[in-house]
Amino acid sequence: MSTRKKPYYLDTSVHSSLTRTLPVFMGLISAREFVDVVKVTREDDRIFTACVSIEHSDYGAKSSKGIRGTCYPNGLFCYRVQG
């Protein structure tokens, strides 16, 4: 399960967000938090999402209960499938 701080929208398709995850596997994997900038492009038959971690003063220092994670530049295409 994760929690999100309300995103800060740079425009209609780009926003920054803070995502926090809980620890898993009895604490073997620590809680994480990510500060990312995300771009979402919607078209009739597909959605493209890209994100990367950033430093942002509105999100301050990391919480004491987790590790600040890094999301390297990545993207994902989702296509509509008929049927």
N, C-alpha and C. Protein backbone atom coordinates (compact mmCIF):
# COMPACT_ATOMS: atom_id res chain seq x y z
N MET A 1 0.85 -1.18 0.00
CA MET A 1 0.00 0.00 0.00
C MET A 1 0.89 1.24 0.00
N SER A 2 0.46 2.25 -0.69
CA SER A 2 1.24 3.48 -0.74
C SER A 2 0.35 4.67 -0.43
N THR A 3 0.97 5.75 -0.02
CA THR A 3 0.23 7.00 0.19
C THR A 3 0.85 8.06 -0.70
N ARG A 4 0.04 8.99 -1.12
CA ARG A 4 0.53 10.04 -2.02
C ARG A 4 0.16 11.39 -1.44
N LYS A 5 1.10 12.32 -1.54
CA LYS A 5 0.80 13.72 -1.25
C LYS A 5 0.14 14.30 -2.49
N LYS A 6 -0.74 15.25 -2.30
CA LYS A 6 -1.42 15.86 -3.44
C LYS A 6 -0.39 16.36 -4.46
N PRO A 7 -0.54 15.97 -5.74
CA PRO A 7 0.46 16.37 -6.74
C PRO A 7 0.43 17.86 -7.04
N TYR A 8 1.56 18.37 -7.46
CA TYR A 8 1.70 19.75 -7.91
C TYR A 8 1.73 19.71 -9.43
N TYR A 9 0.71 20.27 -10.07
CA TYR A 9 0.59 20.22 -11.52
C TYR A 9 1.37 21.36 -12.17
N LEU A 10 2.30 20.99 -13.05
CA LEU A 10 3.06 21.97 -13.82
C LEU A 10 2.26 22.42 -15.03
N ASP A 11 1.51 21.50 -15.62
CA ASP A 11 0.51 21.78 -16.66
C ASP A 11 -0.46 20.60 -16.66
N THR A 12 -1.30 20.47 -17.67
CA THR A 12 -2.34 19.44 -17.65
C THR A 12 -1.80 18.02 -17.76
N SER A 13 -0.56 17.85 -18.24
CA SER A 13 -0.04 16.49 -18.41
C SER A 13 1.22 16.22 -17.59
N VAL A 14 1.74 17.21 -16.87
CA VAL A 14 2.98 17.03 -16.10
C VAL A 14 2.72 17.42 -14.64
N HIS A 15 3.11 16.54 -13.71
CA HIS A 15 2.96 16.87 -12.30
C HIS A 15 4.10 16.24 -11.49
N SER A 16 4.30 16.76 -10.30
CA SER A 16 5.24 16.16 -9.37
C SER A 16 4.44 15.46 -8.29
N SER A 17 5.03 14.42 -7.70
CA SER A 17 4.30 13.70 -6.66
C SER A 17 5.27 13.10 -5.66
N LEU A 18 4.77 12.90 -4.45
CA LEU A 18 5.49 12.19 -3.40
C LEU A 18 4.73 10.91 -3.14
N THR A 19 5.38 9.77 -3.31
CA THR A 19 4.76 8.47 -3.08
C THR A 19 5.51 7.77 -1.96
N ARG A 20 4.79 7.23 -0.99
CA ARG A 20 5.40 6.48 0.10
C ARG A 20 4.86 5.05 0.08
N THR A 21 5.76 4.09 0.22
CA THR A 21 5.35 2.68 0.30
C THR A 21 5.64 2.17 1.70
N LEU A 22 4.93 1.15 2.09
CA LEU A 22 5.12 0.52 3.40
C LEU A 22 6.23 -0.52 3.30
N PRO A 23 6.83 -0.90 4.45
CA PRO A 23 7.81 -1.98 4.41
C PRO A 23 7.11 -3.30 4.06
N VAL A 24 7.85 -4.21 3.43
CA VAL A 24 7.28 -5.51 3.06
C VAL A 24 8.21 -6.63 3.50
N PHE A 25 7.73 -7.86 3.43
CA PHE A 25 8.48 -9.05 3.82
C PHE A 25 9.02 -8.93 5.23
N MET A 26 8.09 -8.62 6.16
CA MET A 26 8.40 -8.50 7.58
C MET A 26 9.53 -7.51 7.84
N GLY A 27 9.58 -6.44 7.03
CA GLY A 27 10.56 -5.39 7.22
C GLY A 27 11.89 -5.61 6.53
N LEU A 28 12.03 -6.74 5.81
CA LEU A 28 13.29 -6.97 5.08
C LEU A 28 13.51 -5.92 4.00
N ILE A 29 12.42 -5.44 3.41
CA ILE A 29 12.50 -4.33 2.46
C ILE A 29 11.89 -3.12 3.16
N SER A 30 12.69 -2.10 3.37
CA SER A 30 12.28 -0.92 4.12
C SER A 30 11.22 -0.11 3.38
N ALA A 31 10.52 0.72 4.14
CA ALA A 31 9.59 1.68 3.54
C ALA A 31 10.39 2.60 2.63
N ARG A 32 9.76 3.04 1.57
CA ARG A 32 10.43 3.92 0.60
C ARG A 32 9.55 5.14 0.35
N GLU A 33 10.18 6.22 -0.07
CA GLU A 33 9.43 7.36 -0.59
C GLU A 33 10.14 7.87 -1.82
N PHE A 34 9.34 8.30 -2.78
CA PHE A 34 9.84 8.76 -4.07
C PHE A 34 9.25 10.13 -4.37
N VAL A 35 10.08 11.06 -4.81
CA VAL A 35 9.61 12.36 -5.30
C VAL A 35 9.90 12.34 -6.80
N ASP A 36 8.84 12.36 -7.60
CA ASP A 36 8.97 12.20 -9.04
C ASP A 36 8.26 13.31 -9.80
N VAL A 37 8.72 13.55 -11.02
CA VAL A 37 7.96 14.34 -11.97
C VAL A 37 7.43 13.32 -12.98
N VAL A 38 6.13 13.43 -13.29
CA VAL A 38 5.43 12.45 -14.11
C VAL A 38 4.76 13.16 -15.28
N LYS A 39 4.87 12.57 -16.46
CA LYS A 39 4.17 13.08 -17.64
C LYS A 39 3.26 11.98 -18.15
N VAL A 40 1.99 12.33 -18.37
CA VAL A 40 1.01 11.39 -18.90
C VAL A 40 0.45 11.96 -20.19
N THR A 41 0.55 11.18 -21.27
CA THR A 41 0.01 11.57 -22.56
C THR A 41 -1.08 10.58 -22.93
N ARG A 42 -2.29 11.09 -23.17
CA ARG A 42 -3.42 10.23 -23.52
C ARG A 42 -3.79 10.44 -24.98
N GLU A 43 -3.99 9.34 -25.69
CA GLU A 43 -4.46 9.37 -27.06
C GLU A 43 -5.63 8.39 -27.16
N ASP A 44 -6.29 8.34 -28.30
CA ASP A 44 -7.48 7.49 -28.44
C ASP A 44 -7.21 6.03 -28.13
N ASP A 45 -6.09 5.50 -28.60
CA ASP A 45 -5.84 4.06 -28.46
C ASP A 45 -4.70 3.72 -27.50
N ARG A 46 -4.12 4.72 -26.82
CA ARG A 46 -3.00 4.42 -25.93
C ARG A 46 -2.78 5.54 -24.91
N ILE A 47 -2.04 5.17 -23.86
CA ILE A 47 -1.61 6.12 -22.83
C ILE A 47 -0.11 5.92 -22.66
N PHE A 48 0.64 7.01 -22.61
CA PHE A 48 2.08 6.96 -22.36
C PHE A 48 2.37 7.66 -21.04
N THR A 49 3.12 7.01 -20.18
CA THR A 49 3.52 7.59 -18.90
C THR A 49 5.03 7.54 -18.79
N ALA A 50 5.63 8.66 -18.40
CA ALA A 50 7.08 8.72 -18.18
C ALA A 50 7.33 9.41 -16.85
N CYS A 51 8.38 8.99 -16.14
CA CYS A 51 8.69 9.66 -14.87
C CYS A 51 10.18 9.55 -14.57
N VAL A 52 10.60 10.40 -13.64
CA VAL A 52 11.98 10.42 -13.16
C VAL A 52 11.98 11.09 -11.78
N SER A 53 12.87 10.67 -10.90
CA SER A 53 12.98 11.28 -9.58
C SER A 53 13.60 12.66 -9.66
N ILE A 54 13.18 13.53 -8.74
CA ILE A 54 13.68 14.90 -8.68
C ILE A 54 13.89 15.30 -7.22
N GLU A 55 14.61 16.37 -7.01
CA GLU A 55 14.67 17.05 -5.71
C GLU A 55 13.69 18.21 -5.80
N HIS A 56 12.82 18.35 -4.80
CA HIS A 56 11.81 19.41 -4.85
C HIS A 56 11.62 19.96 -3.45
N SER A 57 11.79 21.26 -3.28
CA SER A 57 11.73 21.89 -1.96
C SER A 57 10.37 21.74 -1.29
N ASP A 58 9.28 21.62 -2.04
CA ASP A 58 7.96 21.47 -1.44
C ASP A 58 7.80 20.15 -0.69
N TYR A 59 8.63 19.16 -0.99
CA TYR A 59 8.51 17.86 -0.36
C TYR A 59 9.50 17.66 0.78
N GLY A 60 10.40 18.61 0.99
CA GLY A 60 11.29 18.60 2.14
C GLY A 60 12.19 17.38 2.24
N ALA A 61 12.73 17.19 3.44
CA ALA A 61 13.61 16.06 3.70
C ALA A 61 12.80 14.78 3.81
N LYS A 62 13.45 13.66 3.62
CA LYS A 62 12.74 12.38 3.70
C LYS A 62 12.24 12.16 5.12
N SER A 63 11.20 11.34 5.24
CA SER A 63 10.66 11.03 6.55
C SER A 63 11.64 10.13 7.30
N SER A 64 11.48 10.06 8.62
CA SER A 64 12.39 9.25 9.44
C SER A 64 12.07 7.76 9.36
N LYS A 65 10.96 7.39 8.71
CA LYS A 65 10.53 5.99 8.68
C LYS A 65 10.84 5.29 7.37
N GLY A 66 11.64 5.89 6.51
CA GLY A 66 11.87 5.25 5.23
C GLY A 66 13.15 5.69 4.56
N ILE A 67 13.34 5.20 3.37
CA ILE A 67 14.49 5.51 2.54
C ILE A 67 14.00 6.29 1.34
N ARG A 68 14.70 7.36 0.97
CA ARG A 68 14.34 8.12 -0.23
C ARG A 68 14.81 7.31 -1.43
N GLY A 69 13.87 6.79 -2.21
CA GLY A 69 14.19 5.99 -3.38
C GLY A 69 14.44 6.87 -4.59
N THR A 70 15.06 6.28 -5.60
CA THR A 70 15.33 6.97 -6.85
C THR A 70 14.66 6.21 -7.98
N CYS A 71 13.89 6.92 -8.75
CA CYS A 71 13.24 6.36 -9.93
C CYS A 71 13.99 6.90 -11.14
N TYR A 72 14.73 6.04 -11.80
CA TYR A 72 15.51 6.47 -12.97
C TYR A 72 14.56 6.72 -14.14
N PRO A 73 14.98 7.49 -15.14
CA PRO A 73 14.08 7.80 -16.26
C PRO A 73 13.48 6.52 -16.86
N ASN A 74 12.16 6.51 -16.96
CA ASN A 74 11.48 5.34 -17.50
C ASN A 74 10.16 5.75 -18.13
N GLY A 75 9.59 4.87 -18.91
CA GLY A 75 8.32 5.14 -19.56
C GLY A 75 7.56 3.86 -19.83
N LEU A 76 6.27 4.02 -20.10
CA LEU A 76 5.41 2.87 -20.32
C LEU A 76 4.32 3.25 -21.31
N PHE A 77 4.14 2.45 -22.35
CA PHE A 77 3.02 2.59 -23.28
C PHE A 77 1.97 1.56 -22.91
N CYS A 78 0.72 1.96 -22.82
CA CYS A 78 -0.40 1.04 -22.63
C CYS A 78 -1.33 1.20 -23.83
N TYR A 79 -1.52 0.11 -24.56
CA TYR A 79 -2.37 0.13 -25.75
C TYR A 79 -3.70 -0.53 -25.48
N ARG A 80 -4.76 0.01 -26.08
CA ARG A 80 -6.09 -0.58 -25.98
C ARG A 80 -6.12 -1.85 -26.83
N VAL A 81 -6.67 -2.92 -26.28
CA VAL A 81 -6.78 -4.19 -26.99
C VAL A 81 -8.25 -4.46 -27.25
N GLN A 82 -8.58 -4.78 -28.47
CA GLN A 82 -9.96 -5.10 -28.83
C GLN A 82 -10.28 -6.51 -28.36
N GLY A 83 -11.53 -6.69 -27.91
CA GLY A 83 -11.94 -8.05 -27.57
C GLY A 83 -12.53 -8.23 -26.27
